[in-house]
Amino acid sequence: FGKSLDLYKQVDLNSVLLKFGMKPSINYYNISDFKDALTRFYGVVP
């Protein structure tokens, strides 16, 4: 559980999505918006 928490804080998904302007919205995104942002930041395919 401790390492899971560490990894969660390490990847900081909430901040990464905000960094790329990905906020909850009544308007739609394209799924590629998420894929491209996450792959670009983390350097791996989620």
ModelCIF file with pLDDT and N, C-alpha, C, O atoms, coordinates in Angstrom:
data_MODEL
#
_entry.id   MODEL 
#
_entity.id                         1 
_entity.type                       polymer 
_entity.pdbx_number_of_molecules   1 
#
_entity_poly.entity_id                      1 
_entity_poly.type                           'polypeptide(L)' 
_entity_poly.nstd_linkage                   no 
_entity_poly.nstd_monomer                   no 
_entity_poly.pdbx_seq_one_letter_code       FGKSLDLYKQVDLNSVLLKFGMKPSINYYNISDFKDALTRFYGVVP 
_entity_poly.pdbx_seq_one_letter_code_can   FGKSLDLYKQVDLNSVLLKFGMKPSINYYNISDFKDALTRFYGVVP 
_entity_poly.pdbx_strand_id                 A 
#
loop_
_entity_poly_seq.entity_id 
_entity_poly_seq.num 
_entity_poly_seq.mon_id 
_entity_poly_seq.hetero 
1 1  PHE n 
1 2  GLY n 
1 3  LYS n 
1 4  SER n 
1 5  LEU n 
1 6  ASP n 
1 7  LEU n 
1 8  TYR n 
1 9  LYS n 
1 10 GLN n 
1 11 VAL n 
1 12 ASP n 
1 13 LEU n 
1 14 ASN n 
1 15 SER n 
1 16 VAL n 
1 17 LEU n 
1 18 LEU n 
1 19 LYS n 
1 20 PHE n 
1 21 GLY n 
1 22 MET n 
1 23 LYS n 
1 24 PRO n 
1 25 SER n 
1 26 ILE n 
1 27 ASN n 
1 28 TYR n 
1 29 TYR n 
1 30 ASN n 
1 31 ILE n 
1 32 SER n 
1 33 ASP n 
1 34 PHE n 
1 35 LYS n 
1 36 ASP n 
1 37 ALA n 
1 38 LEU n 
1 39 THR n 
1 40 ARG n 
1 41 PHE n 
1 42 TYR n 
1 43 GLY n 
1 44 VAL n 
1 45 VAL n 
1 46 PRO n 
#
_struct_asym.id          A 
_struct_asym.entity_id   1 
#
loop_
_ma_qa_metric.id 
_ma_qa_metric.mode 
_ma_qa_metric.name 
_ma_qa_metric.software_group_id 
_ma_qa_metric.type 
1 global pLDDT . pLDDT 
2 local  pLDDT . pLDDT 
#
_ma_qa_metric_global.metric_id      1 
_ma_qa_metric_global.metric_value   97.48 
_ma_qa_metric_global.model_id       1 
_ma_qa_metric_global.ordinal_id     1 
#
loop_
_ma_qa_metric_local.label_asym_id 
_ma_qa_metric_local.label_comp_id 
_ma_qa_metric_local.label_seq_id 
_ma_qa_metric_local.metric_id 
_ma_qa_metric_local.metric_value 
_ma_qa_metric_local.model_id 
_ma_qa_metric_local.ordinal_id 
A PHE 1  2 98.00 1 1  
A GLY 2  2 98.00 1 2  
A LYS 3  2 98.00 1 3  
A SER 4  2 98.00 1 4  
A LEU 5  2 98.00 1 5  
A ASP 6  2 98.00 1 6  
A LEU 7  2 98.00 1 7  
A TYR 8  2 98.00 1 8  
A LYS 9  2 98.00 1 9  
A GLN 10 2 98.00 1 10 
A VAL 11 2 98.00 1 11 
A ASP 12 2 98.00 1 12 
A LEU 13 2 98.00 1 13 
A ASN 14 2 98.00 1 14 
A SER 15 2 98.00 1 15 
A VAL 16 2 98.00 1 16 
A LEU 17 2 98.00 1 17 
A LEU 18 2 98.00 1 18 
A LYS 19 2 97.00 1 19 
A PHE 20 2 97.00 1 20 
A GLY 21 2 97.00 1 21 
A MET 22 2 97.00 1 22 
A LYS 23 2 97.00 1 23 
A PRO 24 2 97.00 1 24 
A SER 25 2 96.00 1 25 
A ILE 26 2 94.00 1 26 
A ASN 27 2 96.00 1 27 
A TYR 28 2 97.00 1 28 
A TYR 29 2 98.00 1 29 
A ASN 30 2 98.00 1 30 
A ILE 31 2 98.00 1 31 
A SER 32 2 97.00 1 32 
A ASP 33 2 97.00 1 33 
A PHE 34 2 98.00 1 34 
A LYS 35 2 97.00 1 35 
A ASP 36 2 97.00 1 36 
A ALA 37 2 98.00 1 37 
A LEU 38 2 98.00 1 38 
A THR 39 2 97.00 1 39 
A ARG 40 2 97.00 1 40 
A PHE 41 2 98.00 1 41 
A TYR 42 2 98.00 1 42 
A GLY 43 2 98.00 1 43 
A VAL 44 2 98.00 1 44 
A VAL 45 2 96.00 1 45 
A PRO 46 2 97.00 1 46 
#
loop_
_atom_site.group_PDB 
_atom_site.id 
_atom_site.type_symbol 
_atom_site.label_atom_id 
_atom_site.label_alt_id 
_atom_site.label_comp_id 
_atom_site.label_asym_id 
_atom_site.label_entity_id 
_atom_site.label_seq_id 
_atom_site.pdbx_PDB_ins_code 
_atom_site.Cartn_x 
_atom_site.Cartn_y 
_atom_site.Cartn_z 
_atom_site.occupancy 
_atom_site.B_iso_or_equiv 
_atom_site.pdbx_formal_charge 
_atom_site.auth_seq_id 
_atom_site.auth_comp_id 
_atom_site.auth_asym_id 
_atom_site.auth_atom_id 
_atom_site.pdbx_PDB_model_num 
ATOM 1   N N  . PHE A 1 1  ? 0.824   -1.203 0.000   1.00 98.00 ? 1  PHE A N  1 
ATOM 2   C CA . PHE A 1 1  ? 0.000   0.000  0.000   1.00 98.00 ? 1  PHE A CA 1 
ATOM 3   C C  . PHE A 1 1  ? 0.867   1.266  0.000   1.00 98.00 ? 1  PHE A C  1 
ATOM 4   O O  . PHE A 1 1  ? 0.520   2.258  -0.640  1.00 98.00 ? 1  PHE A O  1 
ATOM 5   N N  . GLY A 1 2  ? 1.986   1.226  0.715   1.00 98.00 ? 2  GLY A N  1 
ATOM 6   C CA . GLY A 1 2  ? 2.872   2.375  0.758   1.00 98.00 ? 2  GLY A CA 1 
ATOM 7   C C  . GLY A 1 2  ? 3.459   2.685  -0.607  1.00 98.00 ? 2  GLY A C  1 
ATOM 8   O O  . GLY A 1 2  ? 3.498   3.845  -1.017  1.00 98.00 ? 2  GLY A O  1 
ATOM 9   N N  . LYS A 1 3  ? 3.917   1.660  -1.317  1.00 98.00 ? 3  LYS A N  1 
ATOM 10  C CA . LYS A 1 3  ? 4.498   1.872  -2.650  1.00 98.00 ? 3  LYS A CA 1 
ATOM 11  C C  . LYS A 1 3  ? 3.418   2.318  -3.634  1.00 98.00 ? 3  LYS A C  1 
ATOM 12  O O  . LYS A 1 3  ? 3.689   3.130  -4.518  1.00 98.00 ? 3  LYS A O  1 
ATOM 13  N N  . SER A 1 4  ? 2.221   1.808  -3.495  1.00 98.00 ? 4  SER A N  1 
ATOM 14  C CA . SER A 1 4  ? 1.129   2.252  -4.363  1.00 98.00 ? 4  SER A CA 1 
ATOM 15  C C  . SER A 1 4  ? 0.886   3.748  -4.192  1.00 98.00 ? 4  SER A C  1 
ATOM 16  O O  . SER A 1 4  ? 0.707   4.470  -5.173  1.00 98.00 ? 4  SER A O  1 
ATOM 17  N N  . LEU A 1 5  ? 0.880   4.201  -2.957  1.00 98.00 ? 5  LEU A N  1 
ATOM 18  C CA . LEU A 1 5  ? 0.715   5.633  -2.684  1.00 98.00 ? 5  LEU A CA 1 
ATOM 19  C C  . LEU A 1 5  ? 1.882   6.429  -3.267  1.00 98.00 ? 5  LEU A C  1 
ATOM 20  O O  . LEU A 1 5  ? 1.686   7.502  -3.837  1.00 98.00 ? 5  LEU A O  1 
ATOM 21  N N  . ASP A 1 6  ? 3.096   5.896  -3.122  1.00 98.00 ? 6  ASP A N  1 
ATOM 22  C CA . ASP A 1 6  ? 4.273   6.579  -3.659  1.00 98.00 ? 6  ASP A CA 1 
ATOM 23  C C  . ASP A 1 6  ? 4.165   6.737  -5.180  1.00 98.00 ? 6  ASP A C  1 
ATOM 24  O O  . ASP A 1 6  ? 4.439   7.810  -5.717  1.00 98.00 ? 6  ASP A O  1 
ATOM 25  N N  . LEU A 1 7  ? 3.767   5.671  -5.865  1.00 98.00 ? 7  LEU A N  1 
ATOM 26  C CA . LEU A 1 7  ? 3.657   5.729  -7.319  1.00 98.00 ? 7  LEU A CA 1 
ATOM 27  C C  . LEU A 1 7  ? 2.558   6.696  -7.749  1.00 98.00 ? 7  LEU A C  1 
ATOM 28  O O  . LEU A 1 7  ? 2.709   7.425  -8.729  1.00 98.00 ? 7  LEU A O  1 
ATOM 29  N N  . TYR A 1 8  ? 1.467   6.696  -7.017  1.00 98.00 ? 8  TYR A N  1 
ATOM 30  C CA . TYR A 1 8  ? 0.367   7.624  -7.299  1.00 98.00 ? 8  TYR A CA 1 
ATOM 31  C C  . TYR A 1 8  ? 0.853   9.070  -7.228  1.00 98.00 ? 8  TYR A C  1 
ATOM 32  O O  . TYR A 1 8  ? 0.553   9.882  -8.104  1.00 98.00 ? 8  TYR A O  1 
ATOM 33  N N  . LYS A 1 9  ? 1.603   9.375  -6.177  1.00 98.00 ? 9  LYS A N  1 
ATOM 34  C CA . LYS A 1 9  ? 2.121   10.742 -6.023  1.00 98.00 ? 9  LYS A CA 1 
ATOM 35  C C  . LYS A 1 9  ? 3.192   11.035 -7.067  1.00 98.00 ? 9  LYS A C  1 
ATOM 36  O O  . LYS A 1 9  ? 3.306   12.160 -7.552  1.00 98.00 ? 9  LYS A O  1 
ATOM 37  N N  . GLN A 1 10 ? 3.965   10.027 -7.404  1.00 98.00 ? 10 GLN A N  1 
ATOM 38  C CA . GLN A 1 10 ? 5.042   10.202 -8.377  1.00 98.00 ? 10 GLN A CA 1 
ATOM 39  C C  . GLN A 1 10 ? 4.494   10.577 -9.755  1.00 98.00 ? 10 GLN A C  1 
ATOM 40  O O  . GLN A 1 10 ? 4.997   11.506 -10.387 1.00 98.00 ? 10 GLN A O  1 
ATOM 41  N N  . VAL A 1 11 ? 3.471   9.864  -10.223 1.00 98.00 ? 11 VAL A N  1 
ATOM 42  C CA . VAL A 1 11 ? 2.945   10.147 -11.570 1.00 98.00 ? 11 VAL A CA 1 
ATOM 43  C C  . VAL A 1 11 ? 2.062   11.388 -11.570 1.00 98.00 ? 11 VAL A C  1 
ATOM 44  O O  . VAL A 1 11 ? 1.951   12.062 -12.594 1.00 98.00 ? 11 VAL A O  1 
ATOM 45  N N  . ASP A 1 12 ? 1.434   11.702 -10.440 1.00 98.00 ? 12 ASP A N  1 
ATOM 46  C CA . ASP A 1 12 ? 0.677   12.949 -10.254 1.00 98.00 ? 12 ASP A CA 1 
ATOM 47  C C  . ASP A 1 12 ? -0.261  13.204 -11.438 1.00 98.00 ? 12 ASP A C  1 
ATOM 48  O O  . ASP A 1 12 ? -0.203  14.252 -12.081 1.00 98.00 ? 12 ASP A O  1 
ATOM 49  N N  . LEU A 1 13 ? -1.112  12.235 -11.706 1.00 98.00 ? 13 LEU A N  1 
ATOM 50  C CA . LEU A 1 13 ? -1.994  12.286 -12.874 1.00 98.00 ? 13 LEU A CA 1 
ATOM 51  C C  . LEU A 1 13 ? -2.871  13.529 -12.888 1.00 98.00 ? 13 LEU A C  1 
ATOM 52  O O  . LEU A 1 13 ? -3.070  14.134 -13.941 1.00 98.00 ? 13 LEU A O  1 
ATOM 53  N N  . ASN A 1 14 ? -3.393  13.913 -11.736 1.00 98.00 ? 14 ASN A N  1 
ATOM 54  C CA . ASN A 1 14 ? -4.279  15.072 -11.686 1.00 98.00 ? 14 ASN A CA 1 
ATOM 55  C C  . ASN A 1 14 ? -3.586  16.329 -12.220 1.00 98.00 ? 14 ASN A C  1 
ATOM 56  O O  . ASN A 1 14 ? -4.158  17.075 -13.014 1.00 98.00 ? 14 ASN A O  1 
ATOM 57  N N  . SER A 1 15 ? -2.357  16.548 -11.776 1.00 98.00 ? 15 SER A N  1 
ATOM 58  C CA . SER A 1 15 ? -1.618  17.734 -12.216 1.00 98.00 ? 15 SER A CA 1 
ATOM 59  C C  . SER A 1 15 ? -1.245  17.656 -13.694 1.00 98.00 ? 15 SER A C  1 
ATOM 60  O O  . SER A 1 15 ? -1.256  18.667 -14.397 1.00 98.00 ? 15 SER A O  1 
ATOM 61  N N  . VAL A 1 16 ? -0.918  16.458 -14.158 1.00 98.00 ? 16 VAL A N  1 
ATOM 62  C CA . VAL A 1 16 ? -0.528  16.295 -15.559 1.00 98.00 ? 16 VAL A CA 1 
ATOM 63  C C  . VAL A 1 16 ? -1.697  16.635 -16.480 1.00 98.00 ? 16 VAL A C  1 
ATOM 64  O O  . VAL A 1 16 ? -1.520  17.333 -17.478 1.00 98.00 ? 16 VAL A O  1 
ATOM 65  N N  . LEU A 1 17 ? -2.876  16.148 -16.151 1.00 98.00 ? 17 LEU A N  1 
ATOM 66  C CA . LEU A 1 17 ? -4.040  16.451 -16.984 1.00 98.00 ? 17 LEU A CA 1 
ATOM 67  C C  . LEU A 1 17 ? -4.331  17.953 -16.996 1.00 98.00 ? 17 LEU A C  1 
ATOM 68  O O  . LEU A 1 17 ? -4.639  18.524 -18.043 1.00 98.00 ? 17 LEU A O  1 
ATOM 69  N N  . LEU A 1 18 ? -4.231  18.579 -15.842 1.00 98.00 ? 18 LEU A N  1 
ATOM 70  C CA . LEU A 1 18 ? -4.453  20.022 -15.779 1.00 98.00 ? 18 LEU A CA 1 
ATOM 71  C C  . LEU A 1 18 ? -3.400  20.778 -16.590 1.00 98.00 ? 18 LEU A C  1 
ATOM 72  O O  . LEU A 1 18 ? -3.699  21.786 -17.230 1.00 98.00 ? 18 LEU A O  1 
ATOM 73  N N  . LYS A 1 19 ? -2.173  20.279 -16.554 1.00 97.00 ? 19 LYS A N  1 
ATOM 74  C CA . LYS A 1 19 ? -1.075  20.911 -17.302 1.00 97.00 ? 19 LYS A CA 1 
ATOM 75  C C  . LYS A 1 19 ? -1.397  20.989 -18.793 1.00 97.00 ? 19 LYS A C  1 
ATOM 76  O O  . LYS A 1 19 ? -1.033  21.950 -19.470 1.00 97.00 ? 19 LYS A O  1 
ATOM 77  N N  . PHE A 1 20 ? -2.084  19.967 -19.288 1.00 97.00 ? 20 PHE A N  1 
ATOM 78  C CA . PHE A 1 20 ? -2.442  19.925 -20.700 1.00 97.00 ? 20 PHE A CA 1 
ATOM 79  C C  . PHE A 1 20 ? -3.850  20.457 -20.962 1.00 97.00 ? 20 PHE A C  1 
ATOM 80  O O  . PHE A 1 20 ? -4.401  20.267 -22.046 1.00 97.00 ? 20 PHE A O  1 
ATOM 81  N N  . GLY A 1 21 ? -4.423  21.119 -19.967 1.00 97.00 ? 21 GLY A N  1 
ATOM 82  C CA . GLY A 1 21 ? -5.740  21.730 -20.140 1.00 97.00 ? 21 GLY A CA 1 
ATOM 83  C C  . GLY A 1 21 ? -6.892  20.754 -20.141 1.00 97.00 ? 21 GLY A C  1 
ATOM 84  O O  . GLY A 1 21 ? -7.978  21.067 -20.629 1.00 97.00 ? 21 GLY A O  1 
ATOM 85  N N  . MET A 1 22 ? -6.659  19.550 -19.587 1.00 97.00 ? 22 MET A N  1 
ATOM 86  C CA . MET A 1 22 ? -7.706  18.530 -19.565 1.00 97.00 ? 22 MET A CA 1 
ATOM 87  C C  . MET A 1 22 ? -8.488  18.646 -18.263 1.00 97.00 ? 22 MET A C  1 
ATOM 88  O O  . MET A 1 22 ? -8.084  18.099 -17.236 1.00 97.00 ? 22 MET A O  1 
ATOM 89  N N  . LYS A 1 23 ? -9.601  19.357 -18.312 1.00 97.00 ? 23 LYS A N  1 
ATOM 90  C CA . LYS A 1 23 ? -10.440 19.557 -17.141 1.00 97.00 ? 23 LYS A CA 1 
ATOM 91  C C  . LYS A 1 23 ? -11.814 18.946 -17.394 1.00 97.00 ? 23 LYS A C  1 
ATOM 92  O O  . LYS A 1 23 ? -12.279 18.904 -18.533 1.00 97.00 ? 23 LYS A O  1 
ATOM 93  N N  . PRO A 1 24 ? -12.466 18.469 -16.323 1.00 97.00 ? 24 PRO A N  1 
ATOM 94  C CA . PRO A 1 24 ? -13.840 17.990 -16.502 1.00 97.00 ? 24 PRO A CA 1 
ATOM 95  C C  . PRO A 1 24 ? -14.686 19.071 -17.158 1.00 97.00 ? 24 PRO A C  1 
ATOM 96  O O  . PRO A 1 24 ? -14.557 20.252 -16.837 1.00 97.00 ? 24 PRO A O  1 
ATOM 97  N N  . SER A 1 25 ? -15.549 18.661 -18.078 1.00 96.00 ? 25 SER A N  1 
ATOM 98  C CA . SER A 1 25 ? -16.303 19.650 -18.845 1.00 96.00 ? 25 SER A CA 1 
ATOM 99  C C  . SER A 1 25 ? -17.572 19.032 -19.403 1.00 96.00 ? 25 SER A C  1 
ATOM 100 O O  . SER A 1 25 ? -17.645 17.826 -19.639 1.00 96.00 ? 25 SER A O  1 
ATOM 101 N N  . ILE A 1 26 ? -18.571 19.883 -19.611 1.00 94.00 ? 26 ILE A N  1 
ATOM 102 C CA . ILE A 1 26 ? -19.788 19.411 -20.274 1.00 94.00 ? 26 ILE A CA 1 
ATOM 103 C C  . ILE A 1 26 ? -19.555 19.280 -21.780 1.00 94.00 ? 26 ILE A C  1 
ATOM 104 O O  . ILE A 1 26 ? -20.351 18.667 -22.490 1.00 94.00 ? 26 ILE A O  1 
ATOM 105 N N  . ASN A 1 27 ? -18.460 19.861 -22.253 1.00 96.00 ? 27 ASN A N  1 
ATOM 106 C CA . ASN A 1 27 ? -18.074 19.698 -23.650 1.00 96.00 ? 27 ASN A CA 1 
ATOM 107 C C  . ASN A 1 27 ? -17.209 18.452 -23.803 1.00 96.00 ? 27 ASN A C  1 
ATOM 108 O O  . ASN A 1 27 ? -16.540 18.038 -22.857 1.00 96.00 ? 27 ASN A O  1 
ATOM 109 N N  . TYR A 1 28 ? -17.222 17.858 -24.985 1.00 97.00 ? 28 TYR A N  1 
ATOM 110 C CA . TYR A 1 28 ? -16.525 16.603 -25.197 1.00 97.00 ? 28 TYR A CA 1 
ATOM 111 C C  . TYR A 1 28 ? -15.077 16.823 -25.606 1.00 97.00 ? 28 TYR A C  1 
ATOM 112 O O  . TYR A 1 28 ? -14.751 17.813 -26.261 1.00 97.00 ? 28 TYR A O  1 
ATOM 113 N N  . TYR A 1 29 ? -14.208 15.889 -25.215 1.00 98.00 ? 29 TYR A N  1 
ATOM 114 C CA . TYR A 1 29 ? -12.849 15.793 -25.717 1.00 98.00 ? 29 TYR A CA 1 
ATOM 115 C C  . TYR A 1 29 ? -12.812 14.682 -26.756 1.00 98.00 ? 29 TYR A C  1 
ATOM 116 O O  . TYR A 1 29 ? -13.807 13.995 -26.985 1.00 98.00 ? 29 TYR A O  1 
ATOM 117 N N  . ASN A 1 30 ? -11.666 14.518 -27.371 1.00 98.00 ? 30 ASN A N  1 
ATOM 118 C CA . ASN A 1 30 ? -11.412 13.332 -28.167 1.00 98.00 ? 30 ASN A CA 1 
ATOM 119 C C  . ASN A 1 30 ? -10.483 12.445 -27.354 1.00 98.00 ? 30 ASN A C  1 
ATOM 120 O O  . ASN A 1 30 ? -9.604  12.950 -26.656 1.00 98.00 ? 30 ASN A O  1 
ATOM 121 N N  . ILE A 1 31 ? -10.660 11.145 -27.432 1.00 98.00 ? 31 ILE A N  1 
ATOM 122 C CA . ILE A 1 31 ? -9.837  10.253 -26.614 1.00 98.00 ? 31 ILE A CA 1 
ATOM 123 C C  . ILE A 1 31 ? -8.350  10.415 -26.962 1.00 98.00 ? 31 ILE A C  1 
ATOM 124 O O  . ILE A 1 31 ? -7.483  10.152 -26.129 1.00 98.00 ? 31 ILE A O  1 
ATOM 125 N N  . SER A 1 32 ? -8.065  10.846 -28.188 1.00 97.00 ? 32 SER A N  1 
ATOM 126 C CA . SER A 1 32 ? -6.671  11.075 -28.578 1.00 97.00 ? 32 SER A CA 1 
ATOM 127 C C  . SER A 1 32 ? -6.057  12.226 -27.785 1.00 97.00 ? 32 SER A C  1 
ATOM 128 O O  . SER A 1 32 ? -4.839  12.269 -27.607 1.00 97.00 ? 32 SER A O  1 
ATOM 129 N N  . ASP A 1 33 ? -6.887  13.163 -27.305 1.00 97.00 ? 33 ASP A N  1 
ATOM 130 C CA . ASP A 1 33 ? -6.371  14.256 -26.474 1.00 97.00 ? 33 ASP A CA 1 
ATOM 131 C C  . ASP A 1 33 ? -5.719  13.697 -25.209 1.00 97.00 ? 33 ASP A C  1 
ATOM 132 O O  . ASP A 1 33 ? -4.652  14.151 -24.796 1.00 97.00 ? 33 ASP A O  1 
ATOM 133 N N  . PHE A 1 34 ? -6.367  12.718 -24.608 1.00 98.00 ? 34 PHE A N  1 
ATOM 134 C CA . PHE A 1 34 ? -5.829  12.091 -23.395 1.00 98.00 ? 34 PHE A CA 1 
ATOM 135 C C  . PHE A 1 34 ? -4.600  11.250 -23.731 1.00 98.00 ? 34 PHE A C  1 
ATOM 136 O O  . PHE A 1 34 ? -3.567  11.352 -23.070 1.00 98.00 ? 34 PHE A O  1 
ATOM 137 N N  . LYS A 1 35 ? -4.722  10.426 -24.758 1.00 97.00 ? 35 LYS A N  1 
ATOM 138 C CA . LYS A 1 35 ? -3.608  9.542  -25.113 1.00 97.00 ? 35 LYS A CA 1 
ATOM 139 C C  . LYS A 1 35 ? -2.350  10.345 -25.445 1.00 97.00 ? 35 LYS A C  1 
ATOM 140 O O  . LYS A 1 35 ? -1.260  10.034 -24.966 1.00 97.00 ? 35 LYS A O  1 
ATOM 141 N N  . ASP A 1 36 ? -2.515  11.373 -26.266 1.00 97.00 ? 36 ASP A N  1 
ATOM 142 C CA . ASP A 1 36 ? -1.357  12.149 -26.698 1.00 97.00 ? 36 ASP A CA 1 
ATOM 143 C C  . ASP A 1 36 ? -0.714  12.887 -25.535 1.00 97.00 ? 36 ASP A C  1 
ATOM 144 O O  . ASP A 1 36 ? 0.511   12.930 -25.425 1.00 97.00 ? 36 ASP A O  1 
ATOM 145 N N  . ALA A 1 37 ? -1.540  13.473 -24.661 1.00 98.00 ? 37 ALA A N  1 
ATOM 146 C CA . ALA A 1 37 ? -1.005  14.225 -23.521 1.00 98.00 ? 37 ALA A CA 1 
ATOM 147 C C  . ALA A 1 37 ? -0.232  13.313 -22.577 1.00 98.00 ? 37 ALA A C  1 
ATOM 148 O O  . ALA A 1 37 ? 0.873   13.649 -22.152 1.00 98.00 ? 37 ALA A O  1 
ATOM 149 N N  . LEU A 1 38 ? -0.813  12.157 -22.249 1.00 98.00 ? 38 LEU A N  1 
ATOM 150 C CA . LEU A 1 38 ? -0.176  11.252 -21.297 1.00 98.00 ? 38 LEU A CA 1 
ATOM 151 C C  . LEU A 1 38 ? 1.085   10.620 -21.888 1.00 98.00 ? 38 LEU A C  1 
ATOM 152 O O  . LEU A 1 38 ? 2.096   10.489 -21.199 1.00 98.00 ? 38 LEU A O  1 
ATOM 153 N N  . THR A 1 39 ? 1.027   10.235 -23.148 1.00 97.00 ? 39 THR A N  1 
ATOM 154 C CA . THR A 1 39 ? 2.204   9.635  -23.787 1.00 97.00 ? 39 THR A CA 1 
ATOM 155 C C  . THR A 1 39 ? 3.332   10.662 -23.895 1.00 97.00 ? 39 THR A C  1 
ATOM 156 O O  . THR A 1 39 ? 4.502   10.339 -23.688 1.00 97.00 ? 39 THR A O  1 
ATOM 157 N N  . ARG A 1 40 ? 2.968   11.881 -24.217 1.00 97.00 ? 40 ARG A N  1 
ATOM 158 C CA . ARG A 1 40 ? 3.975   12.935 -24.344 1.00 97.00 ? 40 ARG A CA 1 
ATOM 159 C C  . ARG A 1 40 ? 4.653   13.208 -23.004 1.00 97.00 ? 40 ARG A C  1 
ATOM 160 O O  . ARG A 1 40 ? 5.870   13.383 -22.946 1.00 97.00 ? 40 ARG A O  1 
ATOM 161 N N  . PHE A 1 41 ? 3.871   13.245 -21.933 1.00 98.00 ? 41 PHE A N  1 
ATOM 162 C CA . PHE A 1 41 ? 4.449   13.596 -20.635 1.00 98.00 ? 41 PHE A CA 1 
ATOM 163 C C  . PHE A 1 41 ? 5.236   12.432 -20.025 1.00 98.00 ? 41 PHE A C  1 
ATOM 164 O O  . PHE A 1 41 ? 6.368   12.612 -19.576 1.00 98.00 ? 41 PHE A O  1 
ATOM 165 N N  . TYR A 1 42 ? 4.635   11.239 -20.012 1.00 98.00 ? 42 TYR A N  1 
ATOM 166 C CA . TYR A 1 42 ? 5.261   10.101 -19.331 1.00 98.00 ? 42 TYR A CA 1 
ATOM 167 C C  . TYR A 1 42 ? 6.254   9.348  -20.221 1.00 98.00 ? 42 TYR A C  1 
ATOM 168 O O  . TYR A 1 42 ? 7.120   8.633  -19.717 1.00 98.00 ? 42 TYR A O  1 
ATOM 169 N N  . GLY A 1 43 ? 6.131   9.503  -21.519 1.00 98.00 ? 43 GLY A N  1 
ATOM 170 C CA . GLY A 1 43 ? 7.032   8.799  -22.420 1.00 98.00 ? 43 GLY A CA 1 
ATOM 171 C C  . GLY A 1 43 ? 6.689   7.336  -22.599 1.00 98.00 ? 43 GLY A C  1 
ATOM 172 O O  . GLY A 1 43 ? 7.495   6.574  -23.133 1.00 98.00 ? 43 GLY A O  1 
ATOM 173 N N  . VAL A 1 44 ? 5.501   6.927  -22.159 1.00 98.00 ? 44 VAL A N  1 
ATOM 174 C CA . VAL A 1 44 ? 5.041   5.550  -22.315 1.00 98.00 ? 44 VAL A CA 1 
ATOM 175 C C  . VAL A 1 44 ? 3.574   5.584  -22.727 1.00 98.00 ? 44 VAL A C  1 
ATOM 176 O O  . VAL A 1 44 ? 2.894   6.600  -22.583 1.00 98.00 ? 44 VAL A O  1 
ATOM 177 N N  . VAL A 1 45 ? 3.102   4.450  -23.243 1.00 96.00 ? 45 VAL A N  1 
ATOM 178 C CA . VAL A 1 45 ? 1.711   4.355  -23.692 1.00 96.00 ? 45 VAL A CA 1 
ATOM 179 C C  . VAL A 1 45 ? 0.834   3.847  -22.550 1.00 96.00 ? 45 VAL A C  1 
ATOM 180 O O  . VAL A 1 45 ? 1.066   2.748  -22.048 1.00 96.00 ? 45 VAL A O  1 
ATOM 181 N N  . PRO A 1 46 ? -0.162  4.617  -22.129 1.00 97.00 ? 46 PRO A N  1 
ATOM 182 C CA . PRO A 1 46 ? -1.072  4.180  -21.073 1.00 97.00 ? 46 PRO A CA 1 
ATOM 183 C C  . PRO A 1 46 ? -2.215  3.348  -21.648 1.00 97.00 ? 46 PRO A C  1 
ATOM 184 O O  . PRO A 1 46 ? -3.082  2.892  -20.904 1.00 97.00 ? 46 PRO A O  1 
#
